[in-house]
N, C-alpha and C. Protein backbone atom coordinates (compact mmCIF):
# COMPACT_ATOMS: atom_id res chain seq x y z
N UNK A 1 8.35 -11.53 -9.27
CA UNK A 1 7.42 -10.53 -9.78
C UNK A 1 7.35 -9.36 -8.83
N UNK A 2 6.97 -8.21 -9.36
CA UNK A 2 6.69 -7.04 -8.54
C UNK A 2 5.56 -6.27 -9.19
N UNK A 3 4.64 -5.79 -8.36
CA UNK A 3 3.50 -5.02 -8.84
C UNK A 3 3.42 -3.74 -8.02
N UNK A 4 3.33 -2.60 -8.69
CA UNK A 4 3.26 -1.30 -8.02
C UNK A 4 1.96 -0.61 -8.44
N UNK A 5 1.14 -0.26 -7.46
CA UNK A 5 -0.17 0.31 -7.74
C UNK A 5 -0.46 1.48 -6.80
N UNK A 6 -1.51 2.21 -7.11
CA UNK A 6 -2.03 3.27 -6.23
C UNK A 6 -0.94 4.25 -5.80
N UNK A 7 -0.24 4.78 -6.79
CA UNK A 7 0.87 5.70 -6.52
C UNK A 7 0.35 7.12 -6.31
N UNK A 8 0.81 7.74 -5.24
CA UNK A 8 0.49 9.15 -4.97
C UNK A 8 1.79 9.89 -4.67
N UNK A 9 1.94 11.06 -5.29
CA UNK A 9 3.10 11.94 -5.03
C UNK A 9 2.56 13.26 -4.51
N UNK A 10 3.12 13.74 -3.41
CA UNK A 10 2.54 14.89 -2.71
C UNK A 10 3.62 15.88 -2.27
N UNK A 11 3.19 17.12 -2.10
CA UNK A 11 3.96 18.16 -1.39
C UNK A 11 5.06 18.81 -2.22
N UNK A 12 4.95 18.76 -3.54
CA UNK A 12 5.94 19.46 -4.37
C UNK A 12 5.99 20.94 -4.04
N UNK A 13 4.82 21.55 -3.86
CA UNK A 13 4.79 23.00 -3.66
C UNK A 13 5.55 23.43 -2.41
N UNK A 14 5.32 22.75 -1.30
CA UNK A 14 6.01 23.10 -0.06
C UNK A 14 7.50 22.79 -0.12
N UNK A 15 7.85 21.67 -0.78
CA UNK A 15 9.26 21.31 -0.90
C UNK A 15 10.02 22.35 -1.72
N UNK A 16 9.43 22.80 -2.82
CA UNK A 16 10.10 23.78 -3.68
C UNK A 16 10.22 25.13 -2.96
N UNK A 17 9.17 25.52 -2.24
CA UNK A 17 9.26 26.78 -1.49
C UNK A 17 10.37 26.70 -0.44
N UNK A 18 10.42 25.59 0.29
CA UNK A 18 11.45 25.42 1.31
C UNK A 18 12.85 25.34 0.73
N UNK A 19 12.94 24.84 -0.50
CA UNK A 19 14.24 24.75 -1.17
C UNK A 19 14.91 26.12 -1.27
N UNK A 20 14.10 27.19 -1.38
CA UNK A 20 14.64 28.54 -1.55
C UNK A 20 14.84 29.26 -0.21
N UNK A 21 14.52 28.62 0.89
CA UNK A 21 14.68 29.27 2.19
C UNK A 21 16.12 29.70 2.51
N UNK A 22 17.13 28.84 2.26
CA UNK A 22 18.49 29.21 2.67
C UNK A 22 18.97 30.54 2.10
N UNK A 23 18.61 30.84 0.86
CA UNK A 23 19.05 32.11 0.25
C UNK A 23 17.94 33.15 0.22
N UNK A 24 16.80 32.79 0.83
CA UNK A 24 15.66 33.71 0.87
C UNK A 24 15.32 34.26 -0.52
N UNK A 25 15.34 33.35 -1.48
CA UNK A 25 15.13 33.75 -2.88
C UNK A 25 13.73 33.42 -3.37
N UNK A 26 12.75 33.51 -2.48
CA UNK A 26 11.38 33.14 -2.84
C UNK A 26 10.85 33.96 -4.01
N UNK A 27 11.30 35.21 -4.10
CA UNK A 27 10.77 36.08 -5.17
C UNK A 27 11.22 35.63 -6.56
N UNK A 28 12.20 34.72 -6.62
CA UNK A 28 12.67 34.22 -7.91
C UNK A 28 11.95 32.94 -8.34
N UNK A 29 11.10 32.44 -7.47
CA UNK A 29 10.37 31.20 -7.77
C UNK A 29 9.39 31.43 -8.92
N UNK A 30 9.35 30.47 -9.85
CA UNK A 30 8.43 30.59 -10.99
C UNK A 30 7.51 29.37 -11.11
N UNK A 31 7.37 28.61 -10.03
CA UNK A 31 6.44 27.48 -10.04
C UNK A 31 5.03 27.98 -9.77
N UNK A 32 4.03 27.21 -10.19
CA UNK A 32 2.66 27.71 -10.07
C UNK A 32 1.65 26.56 -10.06
N UNK A 33 0.47 26.89 -9.54
CA UNK A 33 -0.68 25.98 -9.57
C UNK A 33 -1.54 26.31 -10.80
N UNK A 34 -1.94 25.27 -11.49
CA UNK A 34 -2.82 25.44 -12.65
C UNK A 34 -4.29 25.39 -12.20
N UNK A 35 -5.17 25.82 -13.10
CA UNK A 35 -6.60 25.81 -12.79
C UNK A 35 -7.13 24.40 -12.57
N UNK A 36 -6.46 23.41 -13.15
CA UNK A 36 -6.92 22.03 -12.98
C UNK A 36 -6.42 21.41 -11.68
N UNK A 37 -5.73 22.20 -10.86
CA UNK A 37 -5.27 21.71 -9.57
C UNK A 37 -3.90 21.06 -9.58
N UNK A 38 -3.22 21.06 -10.71
CA UNK A 38 -1.89 20.47 -10.80
C UNK A 38 -0.82 21.52 -10.50
N UNK A 39 0.31 21.06 -9.97
CA UNK A 39 1.42 21.96 -9.63
C UNK A 39 2.52 21.79 -10.66
N UNK A 40 2.97 22.90 -11.22
CA UNK A 40 4.04 22.88 -12.22
C UNK A 40 5.27 23.57 -11.66
N UNK A 41 6.41 22.89 -11.76
CA UNK A 41 7.67 23.48 -11.33
C UNK A 41 8.24 24.30 -12.49
N UNK A 42 8.48 25.59 -12.25
CA UNK A 42 8.98 26.47 -13.29
C UNK A 42 10.43 26.20 -13.65
N UNK A 43 10.88 26.75 -14.75
CA UNK A 43 12.23 26.50 -15.25
C UNK A 43 13.29 26.96 -14.27
N UNK A 44 13.09 28.13 -13.64
CA UNK A 44 14.09 28.63 -12.69
C UNK A 44 14.18 27.72 -11.46
N UNK A 45 13.03 27.32 -10.93
CA UNK A 45 13.02 26.42 -9.78
C UNK A 45 13.62 25.06 -10.15
N UNK A 46 13.31 24.60 -11.35
CA UNK A 46 13.85 23.31 -11.80
C UNK A 46 15.37 23.37 -11.90
N UNK A 47 15.89 24.47 -12.39
CA UNK A 47 17.34 24.63 -12.50
C UNK A 47 18.00 24.60 -11.13
N UNK A 48 17.41 25.30 -10.17
CA UNK A 48 17.96 25.31 -8.81
C UNK A 48 17.89 23.91 -8.20
N UNK A 49 16.75 23.24 -8.37
CA UNK A 49 16.55 21.90 -7.79
C UNK A 49 17.59 20.91 -8.31
N UNK A 50 17.80 20.90 -9.61
CA UNK A 50 18.75 19.95 -10.19
C UNK A 50 20.19 20.28 -9.76
N UNK A 51 20.49 21.55 -9.62
CA UNK A 51 21.82 21.95 -9.15
C UNK A 51 22.06 21.43 -7.73
N UNK A 52 21.06 21.55 -6.88
CA UNK A 52 21.20 21.09 -5.50
C UNK A 52 21.30 19.57 -5.44
N UNK A 53 20.51 18.89 -6.26
CA UNK A 53 20.55 17.42 -6.28
C UNK A 53 21.92 16.92 -6.71
N UNK A 54 22.48 17.53 -7.74
CA UNK A 54 23.81 17.13 -8.22
C UNK A 54 24.88 17.36 -7.16
N UNK A 55 24.65 18.34 -6.27
CA UNK A 55 25.63 18.66 -5.23
C UNK A 55 25.62 17.65 -4.09
N UNK A 56 24.61 16.79 -4.03
CA UNK A 56 24.58 15.76 -3.01
C UNK A 56 23.47 15.96 -2.00
N UNK A 57 23.26 14.95 -1.14
CA UNK A 57 22.12 14.94 -0.23
C UNK A 57 22.20 16.05 0.82
N UNK A 58 23.41 16.53 1.14
CA UNK A 58 23.52 17.64 2.09
C UNK A 58 22.81 18.89 1.59
N UNK A 59 22.77 19.06 0.28
CA UNK A 59 22.21 20.28 -0.31
C UNK A 59 20.78 20.09 -0.82
N UNK A 60 20.36 18.85 -0.97
CA UNK A 60 19.05 18.58 -1.60
C UNK A 60 18.04 18.05 -0.59
N UNK A 61 18.06 18.62 0.61
CA UNK A 61 17.15 18.14 1.65
C UNK A 61 15.69 18.28 1.26
N UNK A 62 15.40 19.18 0.32
CA UNK A 62 14.00 19.35 -0.10
C UNK A 62 13.41 18.07 -0.67
N UNK A 63 14.27 17.18 -1.16
CA UNK A 63 13.81 15.89 -1.70
C UNK A 63 13.09 15.06 -0.64
N UNK A 64 13.49 15.24 0.61
CA UNK A 64 12.88 14.49 1.71
C UNK A 64 11.47 14.96 1.99
N UNK A 65 11.10 16.09 1.42
CA UNK A 65 9.76 16.64 1.65
C UNK A 65 8.83 16.43 0.47
N UNK A 66 9.28 15.69 -0.53
CA UNK A 66 8.40 15.24 -1.61
C UNK A 66 7.98 13.82 -1.27
N UNK A 67 6.76 13.67 -0.84
CA UNK A 67 6.29 12.41 -0.28
C UNK A 67 5.68 11.51 -1.35
N UNK A 68 5.87 10.21 -1.17
CA UNK A 68 5.36 9.22 -2.11
C UNK A 68 4.70 8.09 -1.34
N UNK A 69 3.55 7.66 -1.82
CA UNK A 69 2.89 6.49 -1.25
C UNK A 69 2.50 5.56 -2.38
N UNK A 70 2.65 4.27 -2.18
CA UNK A 70 2.33 3.29 -3.21
C UNK A 70 2.09 1.92 -2.59
N UNK A 71 1.32 1.11 -3.28
CA UNK A 71 1.13 -0.30 -2.89
C UNK A 71 2.10 -1.14 -3.70
N UNK A 72 2.91 -1.93 -3.00
CA UNK A 72 3.91 -2.78 -3.65
C UNK A 72 3.66 -4.23 -3.26
N UNK A 73 3.54 -5.10 -4.25
CA UNK A 73 3.49 -6.54 -4.02
C UNK A 73 4.77 -7.15 -4.57
N UNK A 74 5.53 -7.82 -3.69
CA UNK A 74 6.83 -8.36 -4.10
C UNK A 74 7.21 -9.49 -3.15
N UNK A 75 8.14 -10.35 -3.57
CA UNK A 75 8.56 -11.45 -2.70
C UNK A 75 9.40 -10.98 -1.52
N UNK A 76 9.45 -11.84 -0.49
CA UNK A 76 10.22 -11.51 0.70
C UNK A 76 11.66 -11.17 0.37
N UNK A 77 12.26 -11.88 -0.57
CA UNK A 77 13.66 -11.64 -0.91
C UNK A 77 13.89 -10.20 -1.38
N UNK A 78 12.90 -9.63 -2.07
CA UNK A 78 13.02 -8.24 -2.51
C UNK A 78 12.84 -7.28 -1.35
N UNK A 79 11.86 -7.56 -0.51
CA UNK A 79 11.62 -6.67 0.63
C UNK A 79 12.83 -6.58 1.55
N UNK A 80 13.53 -7.66 1.74
CA UNK A 80 14.73 -7.64 2.60
C UNK A 80 15.75 -6.64 2.07
N UNK A 81 15.99 -6.68 0.76
CA UNK A 81 16.96 -5.75 0.17
C UNK A 81 16.41 -4.32 0.13
N UNK A 82 15.13 -4.19 -0.13
CA UNK A 82 14.52 -2.86 -0.21
C UNK A 82 14.59 -2.14 1.15
N UNK A 83 14.54 -2.90 2.24
CA UNK A 83 14.59 -2.31 3.58
C UNK A 83 15.95 -1.68 3.88
N UNK A 84 16.95 -1.93 3.03
CA UNK A 84 18.23 -1.22 3.17
C UNK A 84 18.01 0.29 3.12
N UNK A 85 16.96 0.72 2.42
CA UNK A 85 16.71 2.14 2.21
C UNK A 85 15.63 2.67 3.15
N UNK A 86 15.47 1.99 4.28
CA UNK A 86 14.42 2.35 5.22
C UNK A 86 14.89 3.48 6.15
N UNK A 87 14.78 4.70 5.66
CA UNK A 87 15.07 5.90 6.44
C UNK A 87 13.86 6.80 6.36
N UNK A 88 13.20 7.03 7.50
CA UNK A 88 11.98 7.85 7.55
C UNK A 88 10.92 7.34 6.58
N UNK A 89 10.75 6.02 6.54
CA UNK A 89 9.71 5.42 5.70
C UNK A 89 8.76 4.64 6.59
N UNK A 90 7.58 4.35 6.04
CA UNK A 90 6.58 3.54 6.75
C UNK A 90 6.02 2.54 5.75
N UNK A 91 5.79 1.31 6.22
CA UNK A 91 5.07 0.36 5.37
C UNK A 91 4.10 -0.43 6.24
N UNK A 92 2.94 -0.69 5.69
CA UNK A 92 1.90 -1.44 6.37
C UNK A 92 1.61 -2.67 5.52
N UNK A 93 2.06 -3.83 5.98
CA UNK A 93 2.10 -5.02 5.14
C UNK A 93 0.97 -6.00 5.45
N UNK A 94 0.70 -6.86 4.47
CA UNK A 94 -0.09 -8.04 4.77
C UNK A 94 0.68 -8.87 5.77
N UNK A 95 -0.02 -9.68 6.56
CA UNK A 95 0.60 -10.28 7.73
C UNK A 95 0.56 -11.80 7.70
N UNK A 96 1.73 -12.41 7.77
CA UNK A 96 1.77 -13.85 7.96
C UNK A 96 1.22 -14.23 9.33
N UNK A 97 1.48 -13.36 10.32
CA UNK A 97 1.03 -13.63 11.68
C UNK A 97 -0.49 -13.86 11.72
N UNK A 98 -1.24 -13.03 10.99
CA UNK A 98 -2.69 -13.10 11.06
C UNK A 98 -3.32 -14.01 9.99
N UNK A 99 -2.67 -14.11 8.82
CA UNK A 99 -3.36 -14.73 7.69
C UNK A 99 -2.78 -16.07 7.24
N UNK A 100 -1.48 -16.28 7.44
CA UNK A 100 -0.91 -17.55 6.97
C UNK A 100 -1.47 -18.69 7.81
N UNK A 101 -2.09 -19.62 7.14
CA UNK A 101 -2.73 -20.74 7.83
C UNK A 101 -4.24 -20.64 7.83
N UNK A 102 -4.79 -19.50 7.41
CA UNK A 102 -6.24 -19.35 7.39
C UNK A 102 -6.87 -19.92 6.12
N UNK A 103 -6.05 -20.17 5.11
CA UNK A 103 -6.54 -20.73 3.84
C UNK A 103 -5.41 -21.48 3.18
N UNK A 104 -5.76 -22.29 2.20
CA UNK A 104 -4.74 -22.97 1.42
C UNK A 104 -4.06 -21.98 0.47
N UNK A 105 -2.79 -22.23 0.20
CA UNK A 105 -2.01 -21.35 -0.67
C UNK A 105 -2.10 -21.80 -2.12
N UNK A 106 -1.87 -20.87 -3.03
CA UNK A 106 -1.78 -21.18 -4.45
C UNK A 106 -0.49 -20.55 -4.98
N UNK A 107 -0.16 -20.83 -6.22
CA UNK A 107 1.04 -20.23 -6.80
C UNK A 107 0.90 -18.71 -6.97
N UNK A 108 -0.32 -18.20 -6.90
CA UNK A 108 -0.51 -16.75 -6.95
C UNK A 108 0.07 -16.06 -5.70
N UNK A 109 0.29 -16.83 -4.65
CA UNK A 109 0.87 -16.27 -3.42
C UNK A 109 2.39 -16.18 -3.47
N UNK A 110 2.98 -16.63 -4.57
CA UNK A 110 4.43 -16.68 -4.67
C UNK A 110 4.88 -16.06 -6.00
N UNK A 111 6.12 -15.61 -6.02
CA UNK A 111 6.74 -15.18 -7.27
C UNK A 111 7.40 -16.39 -7.91
N UNK A 112 6.81 -16.87 -8.98
CA UNK A 112 7.33 -18.08 -9.63
C UNK A 112 7.75 -17.77 -11.07
N UNK A 113 8.01 -16.50 -11.35
CA UNK A 113 8.45 -16.12 -12.70
C UNK A 113 9.98 -16.19 -12.79
N UNK A 114 10.47 -16.45 -13.99
CA UNK A 114 11.91 -16.53 -14.19
C UNK A 114 12.47 -15.18 -14.59
N UNK A 115 13.73 -15.14 -15.00
CA UNK A 115 14.40 -13.89 -15.32
C UNK A 115 13.73 -13.15 -16.47
N UNK A 116 13.06 -13.88 -17.36
CA UNK A 116 12.39 -13.27 -18.50
C UNK A 116 10.92 -12.96 -18.22
N UNK A 117 10.48 -13.21 -16.99
CA UNK A 117 9.10 -12.92 -16.63
C UNK A 117 8.12 -14.03 -16.95
N UNK A 118 8.62 -15.19 -17.36
CA UNK A 118 7.76 -16.32 -17.68
C UNK A 118 7.49 -17.15 -16.43
N UNK A 119 6.27 -17.67 -16.30
CA UNK A 119 5.92 -18.52 -15.17
C UNK A 119 6.73 -19.81 -15.23
N UNK A 120 7.35 -20.15 -14.11
CA UNK A 120 8.22 -21.33 -14.07
C UNK A 120 7.89 -22.14 -12.82
N UNK A 121 6.94 -23.06 -12.97
CA UNK A 121 6.53 -23.91 -11.85
C UNK A 121 7.28 -25.23 -11.96
N UNK A 122 8.30 -25.37 -11.13
CA UNK A 122 9.15 -26.56 -11.15
C UNK A 122 8.56 -27.65 -10.25
N UNK A 123 8.99 -28.90 -10.42
CA UNK A 123 8.53 -29.96 -9.52
C UNK A 123 8.82 -29.65 -8.05
N UNK A 124 9.96 -29.03 -7.77
CA UNK A 124 10.27 -28.68 -6.39
C UNK A 124 9.27 -27.67 -5.84
N UNK A 125 8.93 -26.68 -6.63
CA UNK A 125 7.96 -25.68 -6.18
C UNK A 125 6.59 -26.31 -5.96
N UNK A 126 6.22 -27.26 -6.79
CA UNK A 126 4.97 -27.98 -6.58
C UNK A 126 5.01 -28.75 -5.27
N UNK A 127 6.15 -29.38 -5.01
CA UNK A 127 6.30 -30.12 -3.75
C UNK A 127 6.18 -29.19 -2.55
N UNK A 128 6.86 -28.04 -2.59
CA UNK A 128 6.82 -27.09 -1.47
C UNK A 128 5.39 -26.61 -1.23
N UNK A 129 4.69 -26.24 -2.30
CA UNK A 129 3.32 -25.77 -2.15
C UNK A 129 2.43 -26.85 -1.55
N UNK A 130 2.53 -28.06 -2.07
CA UNK A 130 1.70 -29.16 -1.57
C UNK A 130 2.02 -29.47 -0.11
N UNK A 131 3.31 -29.41 0.24
CA UNK A 131 3.70 -29.71 1.62
C UNK A 131 3.19 -28.63 2.58
N UNK A 132 3.28 -27.37 2.18
CA UNK A 132 2.75 -26.29 3.01
C UNK A 132 1.24 -26.44 3.20
N UNK A 133 0.55 -26.76 2.12
CA UNK A 133 -0.91 -26.91 2.22
C UNK A 133 -1.29 -28.12 3.06
N UNK A 134 -0.50 -29.18 2.99
CA UNK A 134 -0.76 -30.35 3.84
C UNK A 134 -0.71 -29.94 5.31
N UNK A 135 0.32 -29.16 5.66
CA UNK A 135 0.48 -28.75 7.05
C UNK A 135 -0.55 -27.70 7.46
N UNK A 136 -0.98 -26.87 6.52
CA UNK A 136 -2.04 -25.90 6.82
C UNK A 136 -3.35 -26.62 7.15
N UNK A 137 -3.66 -27.65 6.37
CA UNK A 137 -4.87 -28.44 6.66
C UNK A 137 -4.78 -29.07 8.05
N UNK A 138 -3.62 -29.61 8.37
CA UNK A 138 -3.42 -30.23 9.68
C UNK A 138 -3.53 -29.18 10.79
N UNK A 139 -2.95 -28.02 10.53
CA UNK A 139 -3.00 -26.92 11.52
C UNK A 139 -4.44 -26.50 11.78
N UNK A 140 -5.25 -26.39 10.74
CA UNK A 140 -6.63 -25.97 10.90
C UNK A 140 -7.44 -26.97 11.73
N UNK A 141 -7.13 -28.25 11.59
CA UNK A 141 -7.81 -29.27 12.41
C UNK A 141 -7.34 -29.22 13.86
N UNK A 142 -6.01 -29.03 14.04
CA UNK A 142 -5.45 -29.04 15.39
C UNK A 142 -5.90 -27.84 16.22
N UNK A 143 -6.23 -26.74 15.57
CA UNK A 143 -6.68 -25.56 16.30
C UNK A 143 -7.89 -25.87 17.17
N UNK A 144 -8.69 -26.82 16.74
CA UNK A 144 -9.91 -27.17 17.47
C UNK A 144 -9.66 -28.21 18.55
N UNK A 145 -8.54 -28.92 18.48
CA UNK A 145 -8.33 -30.05 19.40
C UNK A 145 -7.08 -29.93 20.26
N UNK A 146 -6.03 -29.30 19.75
CA UNK A 146 -4.76 -29.24 20.50
C UNK A 146 -4.05 -27.92 20.17
N UNK A 147 -4.35 -26.89 20.93
CA UNK A 147 -3.83 -25.55 20.64
C UNK A 147 -2.32 -25.50 20.71
N UNK A 148 -1.71 -26.21 21.63
CA UNK A 148 -0.26 -26.18 21.79
C UNK A 148 0.43 -26.78 20.56
N UNK A 149 -0.06 -27.92 20.10
CA UNK A 149 0.52 -28.56 18.92
C UNK A 149 0.25 -27.74 17.67
N UNK A 150 -0.90 -27.10 17.61
CA UNK A 150 -1.23 -26.25 16.47
C UNK A 150 -0.26 -25.07 16.38
N UNK A 151 0.05 -24.47 17.51
CA UNK A 151 0.99 -23.34 17.54
C UNK A 151 2.37 -23.78 17.07
N UNK A 152 2.79 -24.98 17.48
CA UNK A 152 4.08 -25.51 17.04
C UNK A 152 4.10 -25.72 15.53
N UNK A 153 3.01 -26.25 14.98
CA UNK A 153 2.93 -26.50 13.54
C UNK A 153 2.88 -25.19 12.77
N UNK A 154 2.15 -24.20 13.30
CA UNK A 154 2.07 -22.89 12.65
C UNK A 154 3.46 -22.27 12.52
N UNK A 155 4.26 -22.43 13.56
CA UNK A 155 5.64 -21.90 13.52
C UNK A 155 6.43 -22.56 12.41
N UNK A 156 6.25 -23.84 12.22
CA UNK A 156 6.94 -24.56 11.15
C UNK A 156 6.50 -24.02 9.78
N UNK A 157 5.21 -23.79 9.63
CA UNK A 157 4.68 -23.28 8.35
C UNK A 157 5.30 -21.92 8.03
N UNK A 158 5.35 -21.04 9.02
CA UNK A 158 5.91 -19.71 8.80
C UNK A 158 7.39 -19.80 8.46
N UNK A 159 8.15 -20.58 9.22
CA UNK A 159 9.59 -20.65 9.02
C UNK A 159 9.96 -21.37 7.73
N UNK A 160 9.09 -22.26 7.25
CA UNK A 160 9.40 -23.01 6.04
C UNK A 160 8.83 -22.36 4.77
N UNK A 161 8.17 -21.22 4.91
CA UNK A 161 7.69 -20.51 3.72
C UNK A 161 8.89 -19.98 2.95
N UNK A 162 8.96 -20.21 1.65
CA UNK A 162 10.14 -19.82 0.87
C UNK A 162 10.24 -18.31 0.67
N UNK A 163 11.40 -17.87 0.22
CA UNK A 163 11.67 -16.45 0.03
C UNK A 163 10.78 -15.82 -1.04
N UNK A 164 10.21 -16.62 -1.92
CA UNK A 164 9.40 -16.04 -2.98
C UNK A 164 7.94 -15.84 -2.57
N UNK A 165 7.66 -15.98 -1.28
CA UNK A 165 6.33 -15.67 -0.76
C UNK A 165 6.08 -14.17 -0.90
N UNK A 166 4.95 -13.79 -1.48
CA UNK A 166 4.68 -12.39 -1.78
C UNK A 166 4.03 -11.66 -0.62
N UNK A 167 4.47 -10.40 -0.43
CA UNK A 167 3.84 -9.51 0.52
C UNK A 167 3.32 -8.28 -0.21
N UNK A 168 2.15 -7.83 0.20
CA UNK A 168 1.63 -6.54 -0.25
C UNK A 168 1.84 -5.54 0.88
N UNK A 169 2.50 -4.43 0.57
CA UNK A 169 2.68 -3.36 1.55
C UNK A 169 2.28 -2.03 0.94
N UNK A 170 1.61 -1.22 1.74
CA UNK A 170 1.44 0.19 1.40
C UNK A 170 2.64 0.92 1.97
N UNK A 171 3.50 1.37 1.07
CA UNK A 171 4.79 1.97 1.45
C UNK A 171 4.72 3.48 1.28
N UNK A 172 5.22 4.21 2.27
CA UNK A 172 5.29 5.66 2.19
C UNK A 172 6.71 6.12 2.48
N UNK A 173 7.27 6.91 1.56
CA UNK A 173 8.62 7.42 1.72
C UNK A 173 8.73 8.77 1.03
N UNK A 174 9.89 9.04 0.46
CA UNK A 174 10.08 10.33 -0.19
C UNK A 174 11.03 10.17 -1.39
N UNK A 175 11.23 11.26 -2.10
CA UNK A 175 12.04 11.21 -3.32
C UNK A 175 13.51 10.90 -3.01
N UNK A 176 13.99 11.28 -1.86
CA UNK A 176 15.37 10.93 -1.54
C UNK A 176 15.52 9.43 -1.35
N UNK A 177 14.55 8.79 -0.67
CA UNK A 177 14.58 7.33 -0.56
C UNK A 177 14.63 6.68 -1.94
N UNK A 178 13.75 7.14 -2.82
CA UNK A 178 13.67 6.54 -4.14
C UNK A 178 14.92 6.83 -4.97
N UNK A 179 15.52 7.99 -4.75
CA UNK A 179 16.78 8.30 -5.44
C UNK A 179 17.87 7.32 -5.02
N UNK A 180 17.94 7.02 -3.74
CA UNK A 180 18.94 6.07 -3.25
C UNK A 180 18.70 4.68 -3.83
N UNK A 181 17.43 4.28 -3.91
CA UNK A 181 17.10 2.99 -4.52
C UNK A 181 17.53 2.97 -5.98
N UNK A 182 17.15 4.01 -6.70
CA UNK A 182 17.41 4.06 -8.14
C UNK A 182 18.91 4.06 -8.44
N UNK A 183 19.66 4.90 -7.73
CA UNK A 183 21.09 5.00 -7.99
C UNK A 183 21.83 3.72 -7.61
N UNK A 184 21.32 2.99 -6.62
CA UNK A 184 22.01 1.80 -6.17
C UNK A 184 21.55 0.50 -6.79
N UNK A 185 20.32 0.45 -7.32
CA UNK A 185 19.74 -0.83 -7.72
C UNK A 185 19.20 -0.87 -9.15
N UNK A 186 19.41 0.17 -9.92
CA UNK A 186 18.83 0.22 -11.26
C UNK A 186 19.27 -0.96 -12.13
N UNK A 187 20.47 -1.44 -11.93
CA UNK A 187 20.98 -2.56 -12.73
C UNK A 187 21.22 -3.80 -11.87
N UNK A 188 20.47 -3.93 -10.81
CA UNK A 188 20.64 -5.05 -9.88
C UNK A 188 20.26 -6.37 -10.54
N UNK A 189 20.91 -7.45 -10.12
CA UNK A 189 20.65 -8.75 -10.74
C UNK A 189 19.30 -9.33 -10.35
N UNK A 190 18.72 -8.87 -9.24
CA UNK A 190 17.37 -9.29 -8.90
C UNK A 190 16.39 -8.47 -9.74
N UNK A 191 15.72 -9.11 -10.67
CA UNK A 191 14.96 -8.42 -11.71
C UNK A 191 13.92 -7.46 -11.16
N UNK A 192 13.42 -7.74 -9.96
CA UNK A 192 12.39 -6.87 -9.39
C UNK A 192 12.89 -5.43 -9.20
N UNK A 193 14.19 -5.25 -8.95
CA UNK A 193 14.70 -3.90 -8.76
C UNK A 193 14.70 -3.08 -10.06
N UNK A 194 15.25 -3.58 -11.16
CA UNK A 194 15.11 -2.83 -12.41
C UNK A 194 13.66 -2.56 -12.79
N UNK A 195 12.78 -3.54 -12.55
CA UNK A 195 11.36 -3.33 -12.84
C UNK A 195 10.79 -2.21 -11.97
N UNK A 196 11.19 -2.18 -10.71
CA UNK A 196 10.74 -1.11 -9.81
C UNK A 196 11.28 0.24 -10.27
N UNK A 197 12.51 0.25 -10.75
CA UNK A 197 13.10 1.51 -11.23
C UNK A 197 12.38 2.05 -12.45
N UNK A 198 11.81 1.17 -13.27
CA UNK A 198 11.02 1.66 -14.40
C UNK A 198 9.77 2.40 -13.90
N UNK A 199 9.20 1.93 -12.80
CA UNK A 199 8.06 2.62 -12.20
C UNK A 199 8.49 3.97 -11.66
N UNK A 200 9.68 4.03 -11.07
CA UNK A 200 10.20 5.29 -10.55
C UNK A 200 10.36 6.31 -11.69
N UNK A 201 10.84 5.85 -12.83
CA UNK A 201 11.06 6.74 -13.97
C UNK A 201 9.77 7.40 -14.47
N UNK A 202 8.63 6.80 -14.14
CA UNK A 202 7.35 7.33 -14.59
C UNK A 202 6.74 8.33 -13.61
N UNK A 203 7.40 8.58 -12.48
CA UNK A 203 6.87 9.53 -11.50
C UNK A 203 7.03 10.97 -11.99
N UNK A 204 6.23 11.89 -11.47
CA UNK A 204 6.40 13.31 -11.84
C UNK A 204 7.80 13.82 -11.47
N UNK A 205 8.41 14.54 -12.37
CA UNK A 205 9.75 15.10 -12.16
C UNK A 205 10.74 14.01 -11.68
N UNK A 206 10.67 12.87 -12.35
CA UNK A 206 11.54 11.75 -11.98
C UNK A 206 13.02 12.06 -12.20
N UNK A 207 13.31 13.12 -12.97
CA UNK A 207 14.71 13.50 -13.16
C UNK A 207 15.38 13.83 -11.84
N UNK A 208 14.59 14.29 -10.86
CA UNK A 208 15.13 14.53 -9.52
C UNK A 208 15.76 13.25 -8.96
N UNK A 209 15.19 12.13 -9.34
CA UNK A 209 15.63 10.82 -8.82
C UNK A 209 16.71 10.21 -9.69
N UNK A 210 16.59 10.35 -11.00
CA UNK A 210 17.44 9.61 -11.93
C UNK A 210 18.72 10.34 -12.29
N UNK A 211 18.78 11.68 -12.15
CA UNK A 211 19.96 12.42 -12.56
C UNK A 211 21.17 12.00 -11.72
N UNK A 212 22.30 11.85 -12.35
CA UNK A 212 23.49 11.41 -11.65
C UNK A 212 24.14 12.56 -10.90
N UNK A 213 24.89 12.19 -9.84
CA UNK A 213 25.65 13.19 -9.12
C UNK A 213 26.83 13.65 -9.96
N UNK A 214 27.40 14.78 -9.58
CA UNK A 214 28.56 15.30 -10.29
C UNK A 214 29.72 14.33 -10.18
C-alpha cells in the first residue's frame, strides 16, 4: 500500500521567472497572479517550459526550483527503491529507533495488500506478527530488569521486521525529482510506484513531469 497526503507545491512564480534569465526574455512572460492568490502559467511561458523540458535536464533546471512537500506512507521495500531518486531531497520519517518496541504491532503497521489492492493476511504473516509481538512483550519486561539483554532483543526485533513494515515520511523534493521517478517507474512491477505516479499526475502543471523527452 501507499498513501500520499498533505501535498504542497511551491515556487512556480520564481522558477518561471528564472527560466527566462538565460535569454533575458522577462518581458515576454505572460504568467500572472490571480486575485484569489493562485499563480497561473501563461501560454507563452508554458510553451517555453515544455520546450526546455523536452530538451533534457541540462536545459530545464527551473524544474529543480518547483518545490514539493508531501506525507508518504509506504513499506520499506518501496522506500529503498524511491531513494534511488534522492538528489537534493529531504525526508523526516517515523523512527524504528524510537518507536519500535514501545507498543504491540498490528497489521495496520504493514502493507498486506496484494497486487489488486485486496488485504491478504496469510498464515505466515500471522506468524511473523505474533512472533514480533511476543518478543516486544519480552523486551518491555527486560527493560526494567536487564538492559543489556533488552538491547540485544531489540536489535533482533528491528532486524527481523519484514520489508512490508510501513514508514511515514514527510518528503520534500522538486519537480525534477518527480519527473525522474515518473519516467523511470510509471510501469514498475511494484504496484506502489504506479499508484504514486497517479498522484503525481494530479499535481499542478503535471505535464512538466509526464511529458516525454524528444
